[in-house]
Amino acid sequence: MTKHKDQDGKLLDLDTLLMRVSEAILTHVMALEACGISRDRMEIVVGEDGGMVRAGELLFQTPIENKLTKAEGVRLFNVFKDLLKQYDDKALEESYLLEVKARNRYDHKCSVIRKRASKLN
């Protein structure tokens, strides 16, 4: 029996959890880029506790309720790295990206980023 759950409390196998967390982290990256924040201004951390994307004072976290083992953290890092490469190579289907954005509240994140950015300027 898996010990991992999604945000709605639904049990997930490890592979699904790793992909969902990676998609959430990617959504943060996509939202920041859409708002004019370049990747070189982002700090992206992925590991046993989940993921974090920071750009200046903006911080987006994707925590994992039950901390991963070290080996699972490495797997998460690799899943995210592969997903980000596919995104950068434009190898992901538009329909898939739309699903990921909807599931991870992309529009809301963009709104938050724009509001914060306007207050910082």
PDB file of N, CA and C in Angstrom:
ATOM      1  N   MET A   1       0.848  -1.189   0.000  1.00  0.00           N
ATOM      2  CA  MET A   1       0.000   0.000   0.000  1.00  0.00           C
ATOM      3  C   MET A   1       0.887   1.242   0.000  1.00  0.00           C
ATOM      4  N   THR A   2       0.563   2.167  -0.844  1.00  0.00           N
ATOM      5  CA  THR A   2       1.356   3.390  -0.953  1.00  0.00           C
ATOM      6  C   THR A   2       1.074   4.317   0.221  1.00  0.00           C
ATOM      7  N   LYS A   3       2.058   5.119   0.566  1.00  0.00           N
ATOM      8  CA  LYS A   3       1.877   6.069   1.658  1.00  0.00           C
ATOM      9  C   LYS A   3       1.715   7.490   1.132  1.00  0.00           C
ATOM     10  N   HIS A   4       1.677   7.633  -0.177  1.00  0.00           N
ATOM     11  CA  HIS A   4       1.630   8.960  -0.776  1.00  0.00           C
ATOM     12  C   HIS A   4       0.219   9.312  -1.236  1.00  0.00           C
ATOM     13  N   LYS A   5      -0.137  10.584  -1.036  1.00  0.00           N
ATOM     14  CA  LYS A   5      -1.465  11.069  -1.424  1.00  0.00           C
ATOM     15  C   LYS A   5      -1.313  12.359  -2.210  1.00  0.00           C
ATOM     16  N   ASP A   6      -2.306  12.624  -3.070  1.00  0.00           N
ATOM     17  CA  ASP A   6      -2.312  13.903  -3.766  1.00  0.00           C
ATOM     18  C   ASP A   6      -2.990  14.950  -2.889  1.00  0.00           C
ATOM     19  N   GLN A   7      -3.178  16.162  -3.428  1.00  0.00           N
ATOM     20  CA  GLN A   7      -3.747  17.251  -2.637  1.00  0.00           C
ATOM     21  C   GLN A   7      -5.182  16.988  -2.212  1.00  0.00           C
ATOM     22  N   ASP A   8      -5.865  16.077  -2.908  1.00  0.00           N
ATOM     23  CA  ASP A   8      -7.245  15.737  -2.555  1.00  0.00           C
ATOM     24  C   ASP A   8      -7.327  14.525  -1.634  1.00  0.00           C
ATOM     25  N   GLY A   9      -6.173  13.994  -1.227  1.00  0.00           N
ATOM     26  CA  GLY A   9      -6.163  12.848  -0.324  1.00  0.00           C
ATOM     27  C   GLY A   9      -6.220  11.502  -1.026  1.00  0.00           C
ATOM     28  N   LYS A  10      -6.202  11.500  -2.367  1.00  0.00           N
ATOM     29  CA  LYS A  10      -6.257  10.259  -3.135  1.00  0.00           C
ATOM     30  C   LYS A  10      -4.886   9.579  -3.099  1.00  0.00           C
ATOM     31  N   LEU A  11      -4.887   8.270  -2.845  1.00  0.00           N
ATOM     32  CA  LEU A  11      -3.630   7.519  -2.806  1.00  0.00           C
ATOM     33  C   LEU A  11      -2.995   7.459  -4.189  1.00  0.00           C
ATOM     34  N   LEU A  12      -1.687   7.633  -4.220  1.00  0.00           N
ATOM     35  CA  LEU A  12      -0.930   7.605  -5.471  1.00  0.00           C
ATOM     36  C   LEU A  12       0.220   6.624  -5.371  1.00  0.00           C
ATOM     37  N   ASP A  13       0.512   5.955  -6.497  1.00  0.00           N
ATOM     38  CA  ASP A  13       1.744   5.168  -6.516  1.00  0.00           C
ATOM     39  C   ASP A  13       2.903   6.136  -6.668  1.00  0.00           C
ATOM     40  N   LEU A  14       4.102   5.672  -6.387  1.00  0.00           N
ATOM     41  CA  LEU A  14       5.273   6.550  -6.366  1.00  0.00           C
ATOM     42  C   LEU A  14       5.531   7.210  -7.719  1.00  0.00           C
ATOM     43  N   ASP A  15       5.409   6.455  -8.804  1.00  0.00           N
ATOM     44  CA  ASP A  15       5.668   7.027 -10.128  1.00  0.00           C
ATOM     45  C   ASP A  15       4.713   8.176 -10.437  1.00  0.00           C
ATOM     46  N   THR A  16       3.450   8.005 -10.096  1.00  0.00           N
ATOM     47  CA  THR A  16       2.462   9.061 -10.326  1.00  0.00           C
ATOM     48  C   THR A  16       2.767  10.266  -9.452  1.00  0.00           C
ATOM     49  N   LEU A  17       3.111  10.021  -8.194  1.00  0.00           N
ATOM     50  CA  LEU A  17       3.459  11.127  -7.294  1.00  0.00           C
ATOM     51  C   LEU A  17       4.634  11.928  -7.847  1.00  0.00           C
ATOM     52  N   LEU A  18       5.676  11.247  -8.278  1.00  0.00           N
ATOM     53  CA  LEU A  18       6.860  11.933  -8.783  1.00  0.00           C
ATOM     54  C   LEU A  18       6.518  12.787 -10.009  1.00  0.00           C
ATOM     55  N   MET A  19       5.672  12.271 -10.886  1.00  0.00           N
ATOM     56  CA  MET A  19       5.286  13.031 -12.068  1.00  0.00           C
ATOM     57  C   MET A  19       4.414  14.224 -11.687  1.00  0.00           C
ATOM     58  N   ARG A  20       3.475  14.031 -10.771  1.00  0.00           N
ATOM     59  CA  ARG A  20       2.593  15.138 -10.364  1.00  0.00           C
ATOM     60  C   ARG A  20       3.382  16.261  -9.695  1.00  0.00           C
ATOM     61  N   VAL A  21       4.313  15.905  -8.839  1.00  0.00           N
ATOM     62  CA  VAL A  21       5.142  16.919  -8.187  1.00  0.00           C
ATOM     63  C   VAL A  21       5.992  17.636  -9.235  1.00  0.00           C
ATOM     64  N   SER A  22       6.555  16.894 -10.162  1.00  0.00           N
ATOM     65  CA  SER A  22       7.360  17.495 -11.230  1.00  0.00           C
ATOM     66  C   SER A  22       6.523  18.446 -12.079  1.00  0.00           C
ATOM     67  N   GLU A  23       5.302  18.047 -12.378  1.00  0.00           N
ATOM     68  CA  GLU A  23       4.403  18.914 -13.148  1.00  0.00           C
ATOM     69  C   GLU A  23       4.083  20.197 -12.383  1.00  0.00           C
ATOM     70  N   ALA A  24       3.896  20.084 -11.085  1.00  0.00           N
ATOM     71  CA  ALA A  24       3.605  21.274 -10.270  1.00  0.00           C
ATOM     72  C   ALA A  24       4.798  22.230 -10.277  1.00  0.00           C
ATOM     73  N   ILE A  25       5.993  21.687 -10.154  1.00  0.00           N
ATOM     74  CA  ILE A  25       7.193  22.520 -10.179  1.00  0.00           C
ATOM     75  C   ILE A  25       7.335  23.175 -11.555  1.00  0.00           C
ATOM     76  N   LEU A  26       7.111  22.406 -12.604  1.00  0.00           N
ATOM     77  CA  LEU A  26       7.174  22.951 -13.962  1.00  0.00           C
ATOM     78  C   LEU A  26       6.156  24.078 -14.135  1.00  0.00           C
ATOM     79  N   THR A  27       4.985  23.946 -13.546  1.00  0.00           N
ATOM     80  CA  THR A  27       3.970  24.997 -13.642  1.00  0.00           C
ATOM     81  C   THR A  27       4.484  26.293 -13.040  1.00  0.00           C
ATOM     82  N   HIS A  28       5.194  26.218 -11.935  1.00  0.00           N
ATOM     83  CA  HIS A  28       5.781  27.426 -11.333  1.00  0.00           C
ATOM     84  C   HIS A  28       6.759  28.079 -12.310  1.00  0.00           C
ATOM     85  N   VAL A  29       7.594  27.257 -12.927  1.00  0.00           N
ATOM     86  CA  VAL A  29       8.575  27.770 -13.888  1.00  0.00           C
ATOM     87  C   VAL A  29       7.862  28.429 -15.069  1.00  0.00           C
ATOM     88  N   MET A  30       6.854  27.746 -15.620  1.00  0.00           N
ATOM     89  CA  MET A  30       6.125  28.290 -16.769  1.00  0.00           C
ATOM     90  C   MET A  30       5.453  29.611 -16.418  1.00  0.00           C
ATOM     91  N   ALA A  31       4.853  29.703 -15.234  1.00  0.00           N
ATOM     92  CA  ALA A  31       4.156  30.924 -14.823  1.00  0.00           C
ATOM     93  C   ALA A  31       5.141  32.078 -14.653  1.00  0.00           C
ATOM     94  N   LEU A  32       6.268  31.816 -14.044  1.00  0.00           N
ATOM     95  CA  LEU A  32       7.279  32.866 -13.880  1.00  0.00           C
ATOM     96  C   LEU A  32       7.783  33.355 -15.233  1.00  0.00           C
ATOM     97  N   GLU A  33       8.054  32.428 -16.130  1.00  0.00           N
ATOM     98  CA  GLU A  33       8.519  32.816 -17.464  1.00  0.00           C
ATOM     99  C   GLU A  33       7.456  33.612 -18.213  1.00  0.00           C
ATOM    100  N   ALA A  34       6.202  33.202 -18.094  1.00  0.00           N
ATOM    101  CA  ALA A  34       5.118  33.910 -18.767  1.00  0.00           C
ATOM    102  C   ALA A  34       4.984  35.342 -18.270  1.00  0.00           C
ATOM    103  N   CYS A  35       5.430  35.576 -17.055  1.00  0.00           N
ATOM    104  CA  CYS A  35       5.362  36.917 -16.456  1.00  0.00           C
ATOM    105  C   CYS A  35       6.668  37.689 -16.628  1.00  0.00           C
ATOM    106  N   GLY A  36       7.539  37.194 -17.490  1.00  0.00           N
ATOM    107  CA  GLY A  36       8.748  37.925 -17.825  1.00  0.00           C
ATOM    108  C   GLY A  36       9.951  37.671 -16.944  1.00  0.00           C
ATOM    109  N   ILE A  37       9.886  36.652 -16.115  1.00  0.00           N
ATOM    110  CA  ILE A  37      11.024  36.335 -15.247  1.00  0.00           C
ATOM    111  C   ILE A  37      11.821  35.212 -15.915  1.00  0.00           C
ATOM    112  N   SER A  38      13.049  35.507 -16.275  1.00  0.00           N
ATOM    113  CA  SER A  38      13.860  34.546 -17.011  1.00  0.00           C
ATOM    114  C   SER A  38      14.344  33.420 -16.096  1.00  0.00           C
ATOM    115  N   ARG A  39      14.635  32.303 -16.705  1.00  0.00           N
ATOM    116  CA  ARG A  39      15.074  31.117 -15.967  1.00  0.00           C
ATOM    117  C   ARG A  39      16.344  31.392 -15.177  1.00  0.00           C
ATOM    118  N   ASP A  40      17.220  32.249 -15.708  1.00  0.00           N
ATOM    119  CA  ASP A  40      18.476  32.509 -14.992  1.00  0.00           C
ATOM    120  C   ASP A  40      18.263  33.311 -13.708  1.00  0.00           C
ATOM    121  N   ARG A  41      17.067  33.858 -13.518  1.00  0.00           N
ATOM    122  CA  ARG A  41      16.745  34.549 -12.265  1.00  0.00           C
ATOM    123  C   ARG A  41      16.045  33.620 -11.279  1.00  0.00           C
ATOM    124  N   MET A  42      15.842  32.364 -11.659  1.00  0.00           N
ATOM    125  CA  MET A  42      15.146  31.393 -10.810  1.00  0.00           C
ATOM    126  C   MET A  42      16.138  30.459 -10.123  1.00  0.00           C
ATOM    127  N   GLU A  43      15.792  30.114  -8.906  1.00  0.00           N
ATOM    128  CA  GLU A  43      16.492  29.055  -8.180  1.00  0.00           C
ATOM    129  C   GLU A  43      15.489  27.914  -8.069  1.00  0.00           C
ATOM    130  N   ILE A  44      15.846  26.756  -8.603  1.00  0.00           N
ATOM    131  CA  ILE A  44      14.956  25.593  -8.585  1.00  0.00           C
ATOM    132  C   ILE A  44      15.628  24.505  -7.762  1.00  0.00           C
ATOM    133  N   VAL A  45      14.924  24.036  -6.725  1.00  0.00           N
ATOM    134  CA  VAL A  45      15.445  22.984  -5.851  1.00  0.00           C
ATOM    135  C   VAL A  45      14.443  21.838  -5.849  1.00  0.00           C
ATOM    136  N   VAL A  46      14.933  20.627  -6.103  1.00  0.00           N
ATOM    137  CA  VAL A  46      14.084  19.439  -6.143  1.00  0.00           C
ATOM    138  C   VAL A  46      14.775  18.343  -5.348  1.00  0.00           C
ATOM    139  N   GLY A  47      14.020  17.701  -4.445  1.00  0.00           N
ATOM    140  CA  GLY A  47      14.615  16.639  -3.641  1.00  0.00           C
ATOM    141  C   GLY A  47      13.604  15.911  -2.787  1.00  0.00           C
ATOM    142  N   GLU A  48      14.073  15.361  -1.694  1.00  0.00           N
ATOM    143  CA  GLU A  48      13.283  14.484  -0.829  1.00  0.00           C
ATOM    144  C   GLU A  48      12.024  15.135  -0.263  1.00  0.00           C
ATOM    145  N   ASP A  49      12.055  16.464  -0.071  1.00  0.00           N
ATOM    146  CA  ASP A  49      10.910  17.176   0.503  1.00  0.00           C
ATOM    147  C   ASP A  49       9.932  17.703  -0.545  1.00  0.00           C
ATOM    148  N   GLY A  50      10.282  17.548  -1.824  1.00  0.00           N
ATOM    149  CA  GLY A  50       9.452  18.086  -2.897  1.00  0.00           C
ATOM    150  C   GLY A  50      10.258  19.069  -3.712  1.00  0.00           C
ATOM    151  N   GLY A  51       9.651  20.222  -4.022  1.00  0.00           N
ATOM    152  CA  GLY A  51      10.350  21.190  -4.845  1.00  0.00           C
ATOM    153  C   GLY A  51      10.066  22.613  -4.436  1.00  0.00           C
ATOM    154  N   MET A  52      10.945  23.507  -4.882  1.00  0.00           N
ATOM    155  CA  MET A  52      10.826  24.921  -4.580  1.00  0.00           C
ATOM    156  C   MET A  52      11.373  25.692  -5.769  1.00  0.00           C
ATOM    157  N   VAL A  53      10.643  26.758  -6.148  1.00  0.00           N
ATOM    158  CA  VAL A  53      11.128  27.667  -7.180  1.00  0.00           C
ATOM    159  C   VAL A  53      11.092  29.059  -6.576  1.00  0.00           C
ATOM    160  N   ARG A  54      12.248  29.733  -6.604  1.00  0.00           N
ATOM    161  CA  ARG A  54      12.356  31.081  -6.055  1.00  0.00           C
ATOM    162  C   ARG A  54      12.866  32.001  -7.145  1.00  0.00           C
ATOM    163  N   ALA A  55      12.253  33.175  -7.202  1.00  0.00           N
ATOM    164  CA  ALA A  55      12.728  34.237  -8.091  1.00  0.00           C
ATOM    165  C   ALA A  55      12.616  35.528  -7.299  1.00  0.00           C
ATOM    166  N   GLY A  56      13.737  36.013  -6.797  1.00  0.00           N
ATOM    167  CA  GLY A  56      13.710  37.197  -5.945  1.00  0.00           C
ATOM    168  C   GLY A  56      12.906  36.918  -4.692  1.00  0.00           C
ATOM    169  N   GLU A  57      11.899  37.745  -4.429  1.00  0.00           N
ATOM    170  CA  GLU A  57      11.057  37.564  -3.245  1.00  0.00           C
ATOM    171  C   GLU A  57       9.907  36.584  -3.476  1.00  0.00           C
ATOM    172  N   LEU A  58       9.734  36.135  -4.709  1.00  0.00           N
ATOM    173  CA  LEU A  58       8.683  35.167  -5.019  1.00  0.00           C
ATOM    174  C   LEU A  58       9.165  33.765  -4.695  1.00  0.00           C
ATOM    175  N   LEU A  59       8.329  33.008  -3.998  1.00  0.00           N
ATOM    176  CA  LEU A  59       8.687  31.649  -3.605  1.00  0.00           C
ATOM    177  C   LEU A  59       7.479  30.748  -3.805  1.00  0.00           C
ATOM    178  N   PHE A  60       7.663  29.699  -4.586  1.00  0.00           N
ATOM    179  CA  PHE A  60       6.617  28.694  -4.784  1.00  0.00           C
ATOM    180  C   PHE A  60       7.151  27.354  -4.294  1.00  0.00           C
ATOM    181  N   GLN A  61       6.403  26.725  -3.403  1.00  0.00           N
ATOM    182  CA  GLN A  61       6.817  25.438  -2.855  1.00  0.00           C
ATOM    183  C   GLN A  61       5.846  24.350  -3.282  1.00  0.00           C
ATOM    184  N   THR A  62       6.386  23.166  -3.495  1.00  0.00           N
ATOM    185  CA  THR A  62       5.598  21.973  -3.781  1.00  0.00           C
ATOM    186  C   THR A  62       6.066  20.914  -2.784  1.00  0.00           C
ATOM    187  N   PRO A  63       5.500  20.944  -1.577  1.00  0.00           N
ATOM    188  CA  PRO A  63       5.957  19.995  -0.550  1.00  0.00           C
ATOM    189  C   PRO A  63       5.371  18.602  -0.768  1.00  0.00           C
ATOM    190  N   ILE A  64       6.060  17.623  -0.230  1.00  0.00           N
ATOM    191  CA  ILE A  64       5.567  16.248  -0.202  1.00  0.00           C
ATOM    192  C   ILE A  64       5.275  15.920   1.246  1.00  0.00           C
ATOM    193  N   GLU A  65       4.047  15.483   1.503  1.00  0.00           N
ATOM    194  CA  GLU A  65       3.606  15.249   2.882  1.00  0.00           C
ATOM    195  C   GLU A  65       4.500  14.260   3.617  1.00  0.00           C
ATOM    196  N   ASN A  66       4.726  13.110   3.014  1.00  0.00           N
ATOM    197  CA  ASN A  66       5.599  12.098   3.617  1.00  0.00           C
ATOM    198  C   ASN A  66       6.928  12.145   2.884  1.00  0.00           C
ATOM    199  N   LYS A  67       7.940  12.661   3.558  1.00  0.00           N
ATOM    200  CA  LYS A  67       9.257  12.850   2.941  1.00  0.00           C
ATOM    201  C   LYS A  67       9.701  11.596   2.204  1.00  0.00           C
ATOM    202  N   LEU A  68      10.293  11.813   1.045  1.00  0.00           N
ATOM    203  CA  LEU A  68      10.816  10.715   0.243  1.00  0.00           C
ATOM    204  C   LEU A  68      12.135  10.217   0.828  1.00  0.00           C
ATOM    205  N   THR A  69      12.489   8.991   0.480  1.00  0.00           N
ATOM    206  CA  THR A  69      13.823   8.500   0.822  1.00  0.00           C
ATOM    207  C   THR A  69      14.831   9.236  -0.058  1.00  0.00           C
ATOM    208  N   LYS A  70      16.089   9.101   0.258  1.00  0.00           N
ATOM    209  CA  LYS A  70      17.130   9.746  -0.549  1.00  0.00           C
ATOM    210  C   LYS A  70      17.067   9.254  -1.997  1.00  0.00           C
ATOM    211  N   ALA A  71      16.906   7.951  -2.182  1.00  0.00           N
ATOM    212  CA  ALA A  71      16.836   7.377  -3.533  1.00  0.00           C
ATOM    213  C   ALA A  71      15.592   7.900  -4.272  1.00  0.00           C
ATOM    214  N   GLU A  72      14.460   7.999  -3.575  1.00  0.00           N
ATOM    215  CA  GLU A  72      13.250   8.529  -4.195  1.00  0.00           C
ATOM    216  C   GLU A  72      13.416  10.010  -4.546  1.00  0.00           C
ATOM    217  N   GLY A  73      14.140  10.756  -3.690  1.00  0.00           N
ATOM    218  CA  GLY A  73      14.425  12.163  -3.970  1.00  0.00           C
ATOM    219  C   GLY A  73      15.248  12.326  -5.235  1.00  0.00           C
ATOM    220  N   VAL A  74      16.199  11.423  -5.430  1.00  0.00           N
ATOM    221  CA  VAL A  74      17.005  11.435  -6.656  1.00  0.00           C
ATOM    222  C   VAL A  74      16.117  11.126  -7.861  1.00  0.00           C
ATOM    223  N   ARG A  75      15.212  10.171  -7.703  1.00  0.00           N
ATOM    224  CA  ARG A  75      14.275   9.856  -8.789  1.00  0.00           C
ATOM    225  C   ARG A  75      13.411  11.059  -9.126  1.00  0.00           C
ATOM    226  N   LEU A  76      12.915  11.760  -8.095  1.00  0.00           N
ATOM    227  CA  LEU A  76      12.108  12.959  -8.331  1.00  0.00           C
ATOM    228  C   LEU A  76      12.917  13.984  -9.113  1.00  0.00           C
ATOM    229  N   PHE A  77      14.156  14.214  -8.704  1.00  0.00           N
ATOM    230  CA  PHE A  77      15.027  15.155  -9.400  1.00  0.00           C
ATOM    231  C   PHE A  77      15.148  14.773 -10.875  1.00  0.00           C
ATOM    232  N   ASN A  78      15.356  13.495 -11.146  1.00  0.00           N
ATOM    233  CA  ASN A  78      15.522  13.032 -12.527  1.00  0.00           C
ATOM    234  C   ASN A  78      14.231  13.136 -13.335  1.00  0.00           C
ATOM    235  N   VAL A  79      13.095  12.837 -12.711  1.00  0.00           N
ATOM    236  CA  VAL A  79      11.811  12.983 -13.404  1.00  0.00           C
ATOM    237  C   VAL A  79      11.589  14.447 -13.767  1.00  0.00           C
ATOM    238  N   PHE A  80      11.854  15.343 -12.819  1.00  0.00           N
ATOM    239  CA  PHE A  80      11.680  16.768 -13.104  1.00  0.00           C
ATOM    240  C   PHE A  80      12.652  17.228 -14.193  1.00  0.00           C
ATOM    241  N   LYS A  81      13.900  16.826 -14.082  1.00  0.00           N
ATOM    242  CA  LYS A  81      14.917  17.219 -15.073  1.00  0.00           C
ATOM    243  C   LYS A  81      14.489  16.785 -16.476  1.00  0.00           C
ATOM    244  N   ASP A  82      13.982  15.552 -16.598  1.00  0.00           N
ATOM    245  CA  ASP A  82      13.537  15.044 -17.905  1.00  0.00           C
ATOM    246  C   ASP A  82      12.313  15.815 -18.407  1.00  0.00           C
ATOM    247  N   LEU A  83      11.381  16.107 -17.509  1.00  0.00           N
ATOM    248  CA  LEU A  83      10.184  16.850 -17.893  1.00  0.00           C
ATOM    249  C   LEU A  83      10.552  18.262 -18.343  1.00  0.00           C
ATOM    250  N   LEU A  84      11.446  18.914 -17.623  1.00  0.00           N
ATOM    251  CA  LEU A  84      11.878  20.263 -17.979  1.00  0.00           C
ATOM    252  C   LEU A  84      12.585  20.254 -19.332  1.00  0.00           C
ATOM    253  N   LYS A  85      13.394  19.245 -19.589  1.00  0.00           N
ATOM    254  CA  LYS A  85      14.076  19.142 -20.890  1.00  0.00           C
ATOM    255  C   LYS A  85      13.054  18.982 -22.008  1.00  0.00           C
ATOM    256  N   GLN A  86      12.055  18.134 -21.799  1.00  0.00           N
ATOM    257  CA  GLN A  86      11.012  17.955 -22.812  1.00  0.00           C
ATOM    258  C   GLN A  86      10.270  19.267 -23.057  1.00  0.00           C
ATOM    259  N   TYR A  87      10.009  20.007 -21.984  1.00  0.00           N
ATOM    260  CA  TYR A  87       9.357  21.309 -22.118  1.00  0.00           C
ATOM    261  C   TYR A  87      10.242  22.267 -22.914  1.00  0.00           C
ATOM    262  N   ASP A  88      11.509  22.339 -22.557  1.00  0.00           N
ATOM    263  CA  ASP A  88      12.445  23.226 -23.252  1.00  0.00           C
ATOM    264  C   ASP A  88      12.605  22.843 -24.721  1.00  0.00           C
ATOM    265  N   ASP A  89      12.546  21.549 -25.007  1.00  0.00           N
ATOM    266  CA  ASP A  89      12.681  21.059 -26.386  1.00  0.00           C
ATOM    267  C   ASP A  89      11.361  21.128 -27.154  1.00  0.00           C
ATOM    268  N   LYS A  90      10.311  21.645 -26.495  1.00  0.00           N
ATOM    269  CA  LYS A  90       8.973  21.743 -27.087  1.00  0.00           C
ATOM    270  C   LYS A  90       8.454  20.365 -27.538  1.00  0.00           C
ATOM    271  N   ALA A  91       8.772  19.351 -26.737  1.00  0.00           N
ATOM    272  CA  ALA A  91       8.390  17.976 -27.047  1.00  0.00           C
ATOM    273  C   ALA A  91       7.113  17.546 -26.328  1.00  0.00           C
ATOM    274  N   LEU A  92       6.519  18.438 -25.531  1.00  0.00           N
ATOM    275  CA  LEU A  92       5.287  18.093 -24.810  1.00  0.00           C
ATOM    276  C   LEU A  92       4.078  18.574 -25.614  1.00  0.00           C
ATOM    277  N   GLU A  93       3.084  17.734 -25.698  1.00  0.00           N
ATOM    278  CA  GLU A  93       1.854  18.078 -26.422  1.00  0.00           C
ATOM    279  C   GLU A  93       1.165  19.263 -25.754  1.00  0.00           C
ATOM    280  N   GLU A  94       0.586  20.126 -26.556  1.00  0.00           N
ATOM    281  CA  GLU A  94      -0.136  21.292 -26.025  1.00  0.00           C
ATOM    282  C   GLU A  94      -1.284  20.862 -25.117  1.00  0.00           C
ATOM    283  N   SER A  95      -1.979  19.788 -25.474  1.00  0.00           N
ATOM    284  CA  SER A  95      -3.095  19.315 -24.646  1.00  0.00           C
ATOM    285  C   SER A  95      -2.604  18.870 -23.271  1.00  0.00           C
ATOM    286  N   TYR A  96      -1.437  18.251 -23.222  1.00  0.00           N
ATOM    287  CA  TYR A  96      -0.847  17.838 -21.949  1.00  0.00           C
ATOM    288  C   TYR A  96      -0.489  19.068 -21.118  1.00  0.00           C
ATOM    289  N   LEU A  97       0.134  20.064 -21.741  1.00  0.00           N
ATOM    290  CA  LEU A  97       0.499  21.283 -21.011  1.00  0.00           C
ATOM    291  C   LEU A  97      -0.742  21.995 -20.483  1.00  0.00           C
ATOM    292  N   LEU A  98      -1.811  22.005 -21.244  1.00  0.00           N
ATOM    293  CA  LEU A  98      -3.057  22.625 -20.773  1.00  0.00           C
ATOM    294  C   LEU A  98      -3.606  21.890 -19.553  1.00  0.00           C
ATOM    295  N   GLU A  99      -3.540  20.564 -19.569  1.00  0.00           N
ATOM    296  CA  GLU A  99      -3.974  19.767 -18.407  1.00  0.00           C
ATOM    297  C   GLU A  99      -3.133  20.091 -17.179  1.00  0.00           C
ATOM    298  N   VAL A 100      -1.824  20.126 -17.372  1.00  0.00           N
ATOM    299  CA  VAL A 100      -0.896  20.412 -16.263  1.00  0.00           C
ATOM    300  C   VAL A 100      -1.181  21.802 -15.701  1.00  0.00           C
ATOM    301  N   LYS A 101      -1.353  22.773 -16.581  1.00  0.00           N
ATOM    302  CA  LYS A 101      -1.636  24.141 -16.138  1.00  0.00           C
ATOM    303  C   LYS A 101      -2.945  24.206 -15.363  1.00  0.00           C
ATOM    304  N   ALA A 102      -3.974  23.535 -15.844  1.00  0.00           N
ATOM    305  CA  ALA A 102      -5.278  23.552 -15.162  1.00  0.00           C
ATOM    306  C   ALA A 102      -5.185  22.877 -13.796  1.00  0.00           C
ATOM    307  N   ARG A 103      -4.527  21.741 -13.747  1.00  0.00           N
ATOM    308  CA  ARG A 103      -4.416  20.981 -12.499  1.00  0.00           C
ATOM    309  C   ARG A 103      -3.620  21.745 -11.442  1.00  0.00           C
ATOM    310  N   ASN A 104      -2.716  22.614 -11.887  1.00  0.00           N
ATOM    311  CA  ASN A 104      -1.823  23.307 -10.960  1.00  0.00           C
ATOM    312  C   ASN A 104      -2.073  24.807 -10.866  1.00  0.00           C
ATOM    313  N   ARG A 105      -3.238  25.251 -11.297  1.00  0.00           N
ATOM    314  CA  ARG A 105      -3.692  26.641 -11.129  1.00  0.00           C
ATOM    315  C   ARG A 105      -2.715  27.658 -11.721  1.00  0.00           C
ATOM    316  N   TYR A 106      -2.293  27.397 -12.933  1.00  0.00           N
ATOM    317  CA  TYR A 106      -1.345  28.250 -13.648  1.00  0.00           C
ATOM    318  C   TYR A 106      -1.829  29.701 -13.726  1.00  0.00           C
ATOM    319  N   ASP A 107      -3.077  29.913 -14.113  1.00  0.00           N
ATOM    320  CA  ASP A 107      -3.589  31.284 -14.256  1.00  0.00           C
ATOM    321  C   ASP A 107      -3.543  32.029 -12.926  1.00  0.00           C
ATOM    322  N   HIS A 108      -3.885  31.348 -11.850  1.00  0.00           N
ATOM    323  CA  HIS A 108      -3.829  31.969 -10.526  1.00  0.00           C
ATOM    324  C   HIS A 108      -2.385  32.338 -10.166  1.00  0.00           C
ATOM    325  N   LYS A 109      -1.448  31.447 -10.450  1.00  0.00           N
ATOM    326  CA  LYS A 109      -0.041  31.723 -10.168  1.00  0.00           C
ATOM    327  C   LYS A 109       0.438  32.946 -10.948  1.00  0.00           C
ATOM    328  N   CYS A 110       0.042  33.037 -12.221  1.00  0.00           N
ATOM    329  CA  CYS A 110       0.423  34.209 -13.024  1.00  0.00           C
ATOM    330  C   CYS A 110      -0.149  35.478 -12.418  1.00  0.00           C
ATOM    331  N   SER A 111      -1.376  35.425 -11.949  1.00  0.00           N
ATOM    332  CA  SER A 111      -2.012  36.584 -11.324  1.00  0.00           C
ATOM    333  C   SER A 111      -1.252  37.013 -10.071  1.00  0.00           C
ATOM    334  N   VAL A 112      -0.882  36.050  -9.252  1.00  0.00           N
ATOM    335  CA  VAL A 112      -0.124  36.335  -8.027  1.00  0.00           C
ATOM    336  C   VAL A 112       1.226  36.952  -8.376  1.00  0.00           C
ATOM    337  N   ILE A 113       1.895  36.401  -9.365  1.00  0.00           N
ATOM    338  CA  ILE A 113       3.209  36.918  -9.762  1.00  0.00           C
ATOM    339  C   ILE A 113       3.087  38.358 -10.248  1.00  0.00           C
ATOM    340  N   ARG A 114       2.099  38.624 -11.077  1.00  0.00           N
ATOM    341  CA  ARG A 114       1.921  39.989 -11.601  1.00  0.00           C
ATOM    342  C   ARG A 114       1.614  40.976 -10.489  1.00  0.00           C
ATOM    343  N   LYS A 115       0.783  40.589  -9.536  1.00  0.00           N
ATOM    344  CA  LYS A 115       0.460  41.472  -8.415  1.00  0.00           C
ATOM    345  C   LYS A 115       1.699  41.757  -7.577  1.00  0.00           C
ATOM    346  N   ARG A 116       2.465  40.712  -7.282  1.00  0.00           N
ATOM    347  CA  ARG A 116       3.683  40.884  -6.481  1.00  0.00           C
ATOM    348  C   ARG A 116       4.705  41.730  -7.218  1.00  0.00           C
ATOM    349  N   ALA A 117       4.849  41.485  -8.515  1.00  0.00           N
ATOM    350  CA  ALA A 117       5.827  42.223  -9.315  1.00  0.00           C
ATOM    351  C   ALA A 117       5.473  43.705  -9.375  1.00  0.00           C
ATOM    352  N   SER A 118       4.191  44.015  -9.467  1.00  0.00           N
ATOM    353  CA  SER A 118       3.785  45.421  -9.537  1.00  0.00           C
ATOM    354  C   SER A 118       4.054  46.139  -8.212  1.00  0.00           C
ATOM    355  N   LYS A 119       3.992  45.423  -7.114  1.00  0.00           N
ATOM    356  CA  LYS A 119       4.275  46.015  -5.809  1.00  0.00           C
ATOM    357  C   LYS A 119       5.773  46.211  -5.591  1.00  0.00           C
ATOM    358  N   LEU A 120       6.587  45.388  -6.257  1.00  0.00           N
ATOM    359  CA  LEU A 120       8.031  45.474  -6.097  1.00  0.00           C
ATOM    360  C   LEU A 120       8.628  46.581  -6.962  1.00  0.00           C
ATOM    361  N   ASN A 121       7.925  46.978  -8.021  1.00  0.00           N
ATOM    362  CA  ASN A 121       8.445  48.015  -8.929  1.00  0.00           C
ATOM    363  C   ASN A 121       8.120  49.401  -8.488  1.00  0.00           C
TER     364      ASN A 121
END
